[in-house]
Amino acid sequence: HPLPLRIMHWVNVAVMLVMITSGWGIYDDDVIVR
């Protein structure tokens, strides 16, 4: 795993956590599954 790949991997880990958990907050405002 070269250094550029490792940096992108861990940036993606942090970003995906933000995207998923914030997406759940948006979802709760107008749910899809009743």
PDB file of all heavy atoms in Angstrom:
ATOM      1  N   HIS A   1       0.853  -1.187   0.000  1.00  0.00           N
ATOM      2  CA  HIS A   1       0.000   0.000   0.000  1.00  0.00           C
ATOM      3  C   HIS A   1       0.890   1.239   0.000  1.00  0.00           C
ATOM      4  O   HIS A   1       1.354   1.679   1.067  1.00  0.00           O
ATOM      5  CB  HIS A   1      -0.907   0.014   1.229  1.00  0.00           C
ATOM      6  CG  HIS A   1      -1.804  -1.179   1.350  1.00  0.00           C
ATOM      7  ND1 HIS A   1      -2.647  -1.590   0.344  1.00  0.00           N
ATOM      8  CD2 HIS A   1      -1.996  -2.064   2.378  1.00  0.00           C
ATOM      9  CE1 HIS A   1      -3.317  -2.665   0.727  1.00  0.00           C
ATOM     10  NE2 HIS A   1      -2.938  -2.967   1.953  1.00  0.00           N
ATOM     11  N   PRO A   2       1.169   1.829  -1.152  1.00  0.00           N
ATOM     12  CA  PRO A   2       2.008   3.030  -1.205  1.00  0.00           C
ATOM     13  C   PRO A   2       1.389   4.172  -0.394  1.00  0.00           C
ATOM     14  O   PRO A   2       0.190   4.188  -0.121  1.00  0.00           O
ATOM     15  CB  PRO A   2       2.037   3.367  -2.706  1.00  0.00           C
ATOM     16  CG  PRO A   2       1.684   2.086  -3.391  1.00  0.00           C
ATOM     17  CD  PRO A   2       0.743   1.377  -2.475  1.00  0.00           C
ATOM     18  N   LEU A   3       2.228   5.135  -0.023  1.00  0.00           N
ATOM     19  CA  LEU A   3       1.786   6.237   0.822  1.00  0.00           C
ATOM     20  C   LEU A   3       0.579   6.988   0.259  1.00  0.00           C
ATOM     21  O   LEU A   3      -0.368   7.264   1.006  1.00  0.00           O
ATOM     22  CB  LEU A   3       2.950   7.209   1.066  1.00  0.00           C
ATOM     23  CG  LEU A   3       2.639   8.414   1.968  1.00  0.00           C
ATOM     24  CD1 LEU A   3       2.187   7.954   3.345  1.00  0.00           C
ATOM     25  CD2 LEU A   3       3.864   9.319   2.069  1.00  0.00           C
ATOM     26  N   PRO A   4       0.549   7.343  -1.040  1.00  0.00           N
ATOM     27  CA  PRO A   4      -0.642   8.051  -1.553  1.00  0.00           C
ATOM     28  C   PRO A   4      -1.928   7.261  -1.345  1.00  0.00           C
ATOM     29  O   PRO A   4      -2.967   7.829  -1.007  1.00  0.00           O
ATOM     30  CB  PRO A   4      -0.332   8.214  -3.046  1.00  0.00           C
ATOM     31  CG  PRO A   4       1.152   8.164  -3.136  1.00  0.00           C
ATOM     32  CD  PRO A   4       1.580   7.177  -2.090  1.00  0.00           C
ATOM     33  N   LEU A   5      -1.862   5.943  -1.524  1.00  0.00           N
ATOM     34  CA  LEU A   5      -3.042   5.106  -1.344  1.00  0.00           C
ATOM     35  C   LEU A   5      -3.487   5.098   0.112  1.00  0.00           C
ATOM     36  O   LEU A   5      -4.684   5.173   0.409  1.00  0.00           O
ATOM     37  CB  LEU A   5      -2.737   3.685  -1.809  1.00  0.00           C
ATOM     38  CG  LEU A   5      -3.942   2.743  -1.802  1.00  0.00           C
ATOM     39  CD1 LEU A   5      -4.857   3.067  -2.970  1.00  0.00           C
ATOM     40  CD2 LEU A   5      -3.485   1.295  -1.892  1.00  0.00           C
ATOM     41  N   ARG A   6      -2.518   5.023   1.020  1.00  0.00           N
ATOM     42  CA  ARG A   6      -2.868   5.020   2.446  1.00  0.00           C
ATOM     43  C   ARG A   6      -3.520   6.334   2.863  1.00  0.00           C
ATOM     44  O   ARG A   6      -4.498   6.351   3.625  1.00  0.00           O
ATOM     45  CB  ARG A   6      -1.621   4.765   3.289  1.00  0.00           C
ATOM     46  CG  ARG A   6      -1.212   3.301   3.355  1.00  0.00           C
ATOM     47  CD  ARG A   6       0.066   3.129   4.153  1.00  0.00           C
ATOM     48  NE  ARG A   6       1.248   3.375   3.348  1.00  0.00           N
ATOM     49  CZ  ARG A   6       2.401   3.798   3.821  1.00  0.00           C
ATOM     50  NH1 ARG A   6       2.530   4.077   5.111  1.00  0.00           N
ATOM     51  NH2 ARG A   6       3.435   3.970   3.022  1.00  0.00           N
ATOM     52  N   ILE A   7      -3.001   7.441   2.361  1.00  0.00           N
ATOM     53  CA  ILE A   7      -3.591   8.747   2.687  1.00  0.00           C
ATOM     54  C   ILE A   7      -5.027   8.814   2.176  1.00  0.00           C
ATOM     55  O   ILE A   7      -5.939   9.207   2.908  1.00  0.00           O
ATOM     56  CB  ILE A   7      -2.749   9.883   2.073  1.00  0.00           C
ATOM     57  CG1 ILE A   7      -1.386   9.957   2.755  1.00  0.00           C
ATOM     58  CG2 ILE A   7      -3.486  11.227   2.199  1.00  0.00           C
ATOM     59  CD1 ILE A   7      -0.431  10.948   2.107  1.00  0.00           C
ATOM     60  N   MET A   8      -5.236   8.397   0.924  1.00  0.00           N
ATOM     61  CA  MET A   8      -6.597   8.425   0.361  1.00  0.00           C
ATOM     62  C   MET A   8      -7.529   7.489   1.116  1.00  0.00           C
ATOM     63  O   MET A   8      -8.711   7.804   1.316  1.00  0.00           O
ATOM     64  CB  MET A   8      -6.541   8.061  -1.122  1.00  0.00           C
ATOM     65  CG  MET A   8      -5.925   9.138  -1.996  1.00  0.00           C
ATOM     66  SD  MET A   8      -5.950   8.753  -3.772  1.00  0.00           S
ATOM     67  CE  MET A   8      -4.630   7.532  -3.888  1.00  0.00           C
ATOM     68  N   HIS A   9      -7.012   6.345   1.552  1.00  0.00           N
ATOM     69  CA  HIS A   9      -7.838   5.390   2.297  1.00  0.00           C
ATOM     70  C   HIS A   9      -8.344   5.992   3.601  1.00  0.00           C
ATOM     71  O   HIS A   9      -9.535   5.937   3.907  1.00  0.00           O
ATOM     72  CB  HIS A   9      -7.030   4.127   2.588  1.00  0.00           C
ATOM     73  CG  HIS A   9      -7.744   3.127   3.443  1.00  0.00           C
ATOM     74  ND1 HIS A   9      -7.710   3.167   4.823  1.00  0.00           N
ATOM     75  CD2 HIS A   9      -8.531   2.068   3.124  1.00  0.00           C
ATOM     76  CE1 HIS A   9      -8.428   2.179   5.314  1.00  0.00           C
ATOM     77  NE2 HIS A   9      -8.934   1.492   4.305  1.00  0.00           N
ATOM     78  N   TRP A  10      -7.441   6.600   4.382  1.00  0.00           N
ATOM     79  CA  TRP A  10      -7.852   7.111   5.687  1.00  0.00           C
ATOM     80  C   TRP A  10      -8.654   8.401   5.573  1.00  0.00           C
ATOM     81  O   TRP A  10      -9.520   8.661   6.415  1.00  0.00           O
ATOM     82  CB  TRP A  10      -6.624   7.291   6.577  1.00  0.00           C
ATOM     83  CG  TRP A  10      -6.017   5.965   6.942  1.00  0.00           C
ATOM     84  CD1 TRP A  10      -4.824   5.461   6.554  1.00  0.00           C
ATOM     85  CD2 TRP A  10      -6.626   4.934   7.739  1.00  0.00           C
ATOM     86  NE1 TRP A  10      -4.627   4.197   7.057  1.00  0.00           N
ATOM     87  CE2 TRP A  10      -5.710   3.844   7.791  1.00  0.00           C
ATOM     88  CE3 TRP A  10      -7.846   4.832   8.420  1.00  0.00           C
ATOM     89  CZ2 TRP A  10      -5.989   2.674   8.492  1.00  0.00           C
ATOM     90  CZ3 TRP A  10      -8.119   3.656   9.121  1.00  0.00           C
ATOM     91  CH2 TRP A  10      -7.201   2.602   9.152  1.00  0.00           C
ATOM     92  N   VAL A  11      -8.404   9.189   4.538  1.00  0.00           N
ATOM     93  CA  VAL A  11      -9.283  10.343   4.271  1.00  0.00           C
ATOM     94  C   VAL A  11     -10.682   9.838   3.961  1.00  0.00           C
ATOM     95  O   VAL A  11     -11.680  10.377   4.456  1.00  0.00           O
ATOM     96  CB  VAL A  11      -8.742  11.191   3.100  1.00  0.00           C
ATOM     97  CG1 VAL A  11      -9.794  12.200   2.628  1.00  0.00           C
ATOM     98  CG2 VAL A  11      -7.478  11.929   3.513  1.00  0.00           C
ATOM     99  N   ASN A  12     -10.752   8.780   3.171  1.00  0.00           N
ATOM    100  CA  ASN A  12     -12.054   8.219   2.802  1.00  0.00           C
ATOM    101  C   ASN A  12     -12.782   7.654   4.013  1.00  0.00           C
ATOM    102  O   ASN A  12     -14.008   7.757   4.109  1.00  0.00           O
ATOM    103  CB  ASN A  12     -11.874   7.126   1.751  1.00  0.00           C
ATOM    104  CG  ASN A  12     -13.155   6.809   1.024  1.00  0.00           C
ATOM    105  OD1 ASN A  12     -13.807   7.696   0.478  1.00  0.00           O
ATOM    106  ND2 ASN A  12     -13.536   5.543   1.006  1.00  0.00           N
ATOM    107  N   VAL A  13     -12.041   7.057   4.943  1.00  0.00           N
ATOM    108  CA  VAL A  13     -12.666   6.540   6.167  1.00  0.00           C
ATOM    109  C   VAL A  13     -13.378   7.668   6.912  1.00  0.00           C
ATOM    110  O   VAL A  13     -14.555   7.549   7.294  1.00  0.00           O
ATOM    111  CB  VAL A  13     -11.614   5.888   7.086  1.00  0.00           C
ATOM    112  CG1 VAL A  13     -12.203   5.612   8.470  1.00  0.00           C
ATOM    113  CG2 VAL A  13     -11.093   4.595   6.472  1.00  0.00           C
ATOM    114  N   ALA A  14     -12.677   8.789   7.121  1.00  0.00           N
ATOM    115  CA  ALA A  14     -13.252   9.922   7.850  1.00  0.00           C
ATOM    116  C   ALA A  14     -14.436  10.514   7.090  1.00  0.00           C
ATOM    117  O   ALA A  14     -15.494  10.792   7.674  1.00  0.00           O
ATOM    118  CB  ALA A  14     -12.187  10.991   8.082  1.00  0.00           C
ATOM    119  N   VAL A  15     -14.269  10.682   5.770  1.00  0.00           N
ATOM    120  CA  VAL A  15     -15.326  11.303   4.963  1.00  0.00           C
ATOM    121  C   VAL A  15     -16.564  10.419   4.914  1.00  0.00           C
ATOM    122  O   VAL A  15     -17.692  10.909   5.015  1.00  0.00           O
ATOM    123  CB  VAL A  15     -14.808  11.593   3.541  1.00  0.00           C
ATOM    124  CG1 VAL A  15     -15.948  12.060   2.637  1.00  0.00           C
ATOM    125  CG2 VAL A  15     -13.722  12.661   3.577  1.00  0.00           C
ATOM    126  N   MET A  16     -16.380   9.101   4.776  1.00  0.00           N
ATOM    127  CA  MET A  16     -17.532   8.203   4.708  1.00  0.00           C
ATOM    128  C   MET A  16     -18.308   8.198   6.012  1.00  0.00           C
ATOM    129  O   MET A  16     -19.542   8.119   6.010  1.00  0.00           O
ATOM    130  CB  MET A  16     -17.071   6.786   4.365  1.00  0.00           C
ATOM    131  CG  MET A  16     -16.611   6.602   2.923  1.00  0.00           C
ATOM    132  SD  MET A  16     -17.813   7.161   1.697  1.00  0.00           S
ATOM    133  CE  MET A  16     -19.223   6.131   2.091  1.00  0.00           C
ATOM    134  N   LEU A  17     -17.609   8.293   7.139  1.00  0.00           N
ATOM    135  CA  LEU A  17     -18.309   8.375   8.420  1.00  0.00           C
ATOM    136  C   LEU A  17     -19.162   9.629   8.484  1.00  0.00           C
ATOM    137  O   LEU A  17     -20.311   9.608   8.967  1.00  0.00           O
ATOM    138  CB  LEU A  17     -17.299   8.353   9.573  1.00  0.00           C
ATOM    139  CG  LEU A  17     -16.634   7.004   9.865  1.00  0.00           C
ATOM    140  CD1 LEU A  17     -15.563   7.163  10.935  1.00  0.00           C
ATOM    141  CD2 LEU A  17     -17.681   5.977  10.306  1.00  0.00           C
ATOM    142  N   VAL A  18     -18.612  10.747   8.003  1.00  0.00           N
ATOM    143  CA  VAL A  18     -19.374  12.004   7.979  1.00  0.00           C
ATOM    144  C   VAL A  18     -20.572  11.875   7.046  1.00  0.00           C
ATOM    145  O   VAL A  18     -21.700  12.246   7.394  1.00  0.00           O
ATOM    146  CB  VAL A  18     -18.468  13.171   7.542  1.00  0.00           C
ATOM    147  CG1 VAL A  18     -19.302  14.424   7.256  1.00  0.00           C
ATOM    148  CG2 VAL A  18     -17.430  13.474   8.607  1.00  0.00           C
ATOM    149  N   MET A  19     -20.345  11.356   5.841  1.00  0.00           N
ATOM    150  CA  MET A  19     -21.416  11.252   4.852  1.00  0.00           C
ATOM    151  C   MET A  19     -22.538  10.325   5.303  1.00  0.00           C
ATOM    152  O   MET A  19     -23.721  10.638   5.138  1.00  0.00           O
ATOM    153  CB  MET A  19     -20.837  10.760   3.520  1.00  0.00           C
ATOM    154  CG  MET A  19     -19.879  11.734   2.855  1.00  0.00           C
ATOM    155  SD  MET A  19     -20.658  13.308   2.428  1.00  0.00           S
ATOM    156  CE  MET A  19     -21.758  12.798   1.111  1.00  0.00           C
ATOM    157  N   ILE A  20     -22.175   9.188   5.870  1.00  0.00           N
ATOM    158  CA  ILE A  20     -23.195   8.214   6.277  1.00  0.00           C
ATOM    159  C   ILE A  20     -24.012   8.730   7.451  1.00  0.00           C
ATOM    160  O   ILE A  20     -25.250   8.724   7.416  1.00  0.00           O
ATOM    161  CB  ILE A  20     -22.534   6.864   6.621  1.00  0.00           C
ATOM    162  CG1 ILE A  20     -21.978   6.217   5.346  1.00  0.00           C
ATOM    163  CG2 ILE A  20     -23.538   5.925   7.298  1.00  0.00           C
ATOM    164  CD1 ILE A  20     -21.102   5.006   5.602  1.00  0.00           C
ATOM    165  N   THR A  21     -23.342   9.194   8.499  1.00  0.00           N
ATOM    166  CA  THR A  21     -24.075   9.626   9.698  1.00  0.00           C
ATOM    167  C   THR A  21     -24.866  10.910   9.462  1.00  0.00           C
ATOM    168  O   THR A  21     -25.963  11.067  10.003  1.00  0.00           O
ATOM    169  CB  THR A  21     -23.116   9.813  10.883  1.00  0.00           C
ATOM    170  OG1 THR A  21     -22.051  10.709  10.501  1.00  0.00           O
ATOM    171  CG2 THR A  21     -22.513   8.491  11.302  1.00  0.00           C
ATOM    172  N   SER A  22     -24.350  11.821   8.642  1.00  0.00           N
ATOM    173  CA  SER A  22     -25.125  13.020   8.316  1.00  0.00           C
ATOM    174  C   SER A  22     -26.287  12.657   7.394  1.00  0.00           C
ATOM    175  O   SER A  22     -27.375  13.237   7.492  1.00  0.00           O
ATOM    176  CB  SER A  22     -24.242  14.078   7.658  1.00  0.00           C
ATOM    177  OG  SER A  22     -23.707  13.627   6.427  1.00  0.00           O
ATOM    178  N   GLY A  23     -26.060  11.673   6.513  1.00  0.00           N
ATOM    179  CA  GLY A  23     -27.141  11.203   5.657  1.00  0.00           C
ATOM    180  C   GLY A  23     -28.283  10.603   6.456  1.00  0.00           C
ATOM    181  O   GLY A  23     -29.458  10.772   6.095  1.00  0.00           O
ATOM    182  N   TRP A  24     -27.960   9.937   7.534  1.00  0.00           N
ATOM    183  CA  TRP A  24     -29.014   9.390   8.395  1.00  0.00           C
ATOM    184  C   TRP A  24     -29.840  10.513   9.038  1.00  0.00           C
ATOM    185  O   TRP A  24     -31.042  10.375   9.227  1.00  0.00           O
ATOM    186  CB  TRP A  24     -28.386   8.504   9.465  1.00  0.00           C
ATOM    187  CG  TRP A  24     -27.841   7.216   8.920  1.00  0.00           C
ATOM    188  CD1 TRP A  24     -28.092   6.672   7.686  1.00  0.00           C
ATOM    189  CD2 TRP A  24     -26.951   6.313   9.569  1.00  0.00           C
ATOM    190  NE1 TRP A  24     -27.421   5.492   7.534  1.00  0.00           N
ATOM    191  CE2 TRP A  24     -26.702   5.237   8.666  1.00  0.00           C
ATOM    192  CE3 TRP A  24     -26.336   6.297  10.809  1.00  0.00           C
ATOM    193  CZ2 TRP A  24     -25.874   4.175   8.988  1.00  0.00           C
ATOM    194  CZ3 TRP A  24     -25.499   5.227  11.128  1.00  0.00           C
ATOM    195  CH2 TRP A  24     -25.282   4.182  10.233  1.00  0.00           C
ATOM    196  N   GLY A  25     -29.179  11.619   9.369  1.00  0.00           N
ATOM    197  CA  GLY A  25     -29.910  12.757   9.910  1.00  0.00           C
ATOM    198  C   GLY A  25     -30.853  13.356   8.888  1.00  0.00           C
ATOM    199  O   GLY A  25     -31.985  13.742   9.219  1.00  0.00           O
ATOM    200  N   ILE A  26     -30.412  13.429   7.633  1.00  0.00           N
ATOM    201  CA  ILE A  26     -31.271  13.941   6.558  1.00  0.00           C
ATOM    202  C   ILE A  26     -32.439  12.978   6.323  1.00  0.00           C
ATOM    203  O   ILE A  26     -33.583  13.403   6.145  1.00  0.00           O
ATOM    204  CB  ILE A  26     -30.453  14.116   5.261  1.00  0.00           C
ATOM    205  CG1 ILE A  26     -29.323  15.115   5.483  1.00  0.00           C
ATOM    206  CG2 ILE A  26     -31.352  14.564   4.112  1.00  0.00           C
ATOM    207  CD1 ILE A  26     -28.300  15.152   4.360  1.00  0.00           C
ATOM    208  N   TYR A  27     -32.134  11.702   6.331  1.00  0.00           N
ATOM    209  CA  TYR A  27     -33.162  10.679   6.105  1.00  0.00           C
ATOM    210  C   TYR A  27     -34.282  10.786   7.140  1.00  0.00           C
ATOM    211  O   TYR A  27     -35.469  10.693   6.808  1.00  0.00           O
ATOM    212  CB  TYR A  27     -32.519   9.291   6.161  1.00  0.00           C
ATOM    213  CG  TYR A  27     -33.510   8.156   6.266  1.00  0.00           C
ATOM    214  CD1 TYR A  27     -34.021   7.561   5.118  1.00  0.00           C
ATOM    215  CD2 TYR A  27     -33.945   7.691   7.513  1.00  0.00           C
ATOM    216  CE1 TYR A  27     -34.948   6.522   5.214  1.00  0.00           C
ATOM    217  CE2 TYR A  27     -34.855   6.668   7.613  1.00  0.00           C
ATOM    218  CZ  TYR A  27     -35.363   6.084   6.457  1.00  0.00           C
ATOM    219  OH  TYR A  27     -36.280   5.077   6.556  1.00  0.00           O
ATOM    220  N   ASP A  28     -33.924  10.975   8.392  1.00  0.00           N
ATOM    221  CA  ASP A  28     -34.926  11.014   9.455  1.00  0.00           C
ATOM    222  C   ASP A  28     -35.912  12.163   9.300  1.00  0.00           C
ATOM    223  O   ASP A  28     -37.018  12.129   9.848  1.00  0.00           O
ATOM    224  CB  ASP A  28     -34.238  11.120  10.824  1.00  0.00           C
ATOM    225  CG  ASP A  28     -33.814   9.749  11.359  1.00  0.00           C
ATOM    226  OD1 ASP A  28     -34.056   8.746  10.662  1.00  0.00           O
ATOM    227  OD2 ASP A  28     -33.237   9.689  12.454  1.00  0.00           O
ATOM    228  N   ASP A  29     -35.521  13.199   8.549  1.00  0.00           N
ATOM    229  CA  ASP A  29     -36.427  14.323   8.331  1.00  0.00           C
ATOM    230  C   ASP A  29     -37.532  13.972   7.341  1.00  0.00           C
ATOM    231  O   ASP A  29     -38.601  14.588   7.366  1.00  0.00           O
ATOM    232  CB  ASP A  29     -35.627  15.529   7.818  1.00  0.00           C
ATOM    233  CG  ASP A  29     -36.447  16.796   7.790  1.00  0.00           C
ATOM    234  OD1 ASP A  29     -36.927  17.213   8.867  1.00  0.00           O
ATOM    235  OD2 ASP A  29     -36.601  17.374   6.684  1.00  0.00           O
ATOM    236  N   ASP A  30     -37.286  12.997   6.482  1.00  0.00           N
ATOM    237  CA  ASP A  30     -38.284  12.557   5.503  1.00  0.00           C
ATOM    238  C   ASP A  30     -37.992  11.101   5.170  1.00  0.00           C
ATOM    239  O   ASP A  30     -37.300  10.795   4.196  1.00  0.00           O
ATOM    240  CB  ASP A  30     -38.221  13.431   4.243  1.00  0.00           C
ATOM    241  CG  ASP A  30     -39.313  13.091   3.236  1.00  0.00           C
ATOM    242  OD1 ASP A  30     -40.233  12.329   3.587  1.00  0.00           O
ATOM    243  OD2 ASP A  30     -39.220  13.578   2.087  1.00  0.00           O
ATOM    244  N   VAL A  31     -38.513  10.204   5.985  1.00  0.00           N
ATOM    245  CA  VAL A  31     -38.133   8.799   5.907  1.00  0.00           C
ATOM    246  C   VAL A  31     -38.613   8.158   4.610  1.00  0.00           C
ATOM    247  O   VAL A  31     -39.614   8.570   4.023  1.00  0.00           O
ATOM    248  CB  VAL A  31     -38.668   8.002   7.116  1.00  0.00           C
ATOM    249  CG1 VAL A  31     -38.134   8.562   8.417  1.00  0.00           C
ATOM    250  CG2 VAL A  31     -40.194   7.981   7.114  1.00  0.00           C
ATOM    251  N   ILE A  32     -37.887   7.162   4.159  1.00  0.00           N
ATOM    252  CA  ILE A  32     -38.260   6.390   2.975  1.00  0.00           C
ATOM    253  C   ILE A  32     -39.006   5.133   3.387  1.00  0.00           C
ATOM    254  O   ILE A  32     -40.017   4.780   2.794  1.00  0.00           O
ATOM    255  CB  ILE A  32     -36.999   6.031   2.166  1.00  0.00           C
ATOM    256  CG1 ILE A  32     -36.377   7.305   1.579  1.00  0.00           C
ATOM    257  CG2 ILE A  32     -37.326   5.033   1.056  1.00  0.00           C
ATOM    258  CD1 ILE A  32     -35.061   7.066   0.859  1.00  0.00           C
ATOM    259  N   VAL A  33     -38.493   4.441   4.406  1.00  0.00           N
ATOM    260  CA  VAL A  33     -39.146   3.241   4.929  1.00  0.00           C
ATOM    261  C   VAL A  33     -40.001   3.662   6.117  1.00  0.00           C
ATOM    262  O   VAL A  33     -39.483   4.080   7.155  1.00  0.00           O
ATOM    263  CB  VAL A  33     -38.107   2.182   5.365  1.00  0.00           C
ATOM    264  CG1 VAL A  33     -38.820   0.936   5.889  1.00  0.00           C
ATOM    265  CG2 VAL A  33     -37.176   1.842   4.209  1.00  0.00           C
ATOM    266  N   ARG A  34     -41.312   3.583   5.948  1.00  0.00           N
ATOM    267  CA  ARG A  34     -42.227   4.054   6.983  1.00  0.00           C
ATOM    268  C   ARG A  34     -41.970   3.356   8.323  1.00  0.00           C
ATOM    269  O   ARG A  34     -41.876   2.141   8.393  1.00  0.00           O
ATOM    270  CB  ARG A  34     -43.672   3.817   6.550  1.00  0.00           C
ATOM    271  CG  ARG A  34     -44.723   4.443   7.471  1.00  0.00           C
ATOM    272  CD  ARG A  34     -46.126   4.174   6.953  1.00  0.00           C
ATOM    273  NE  ARG A  34     -46.311   4.745   5.628  1.00  0.00           N
ATOM    274  CZ  ARG A  34     -46.653   6.012   5.402  1.00  0.00           C
ATOM    275  NH1 ARG A  34     -46.831   6.836   6.434  1.00  0.00           N
ATOM    276  NH2 ARG A  34     -46.815   6.448   4.178  1.00  0.00           N
TER     277      ARG A  34
END
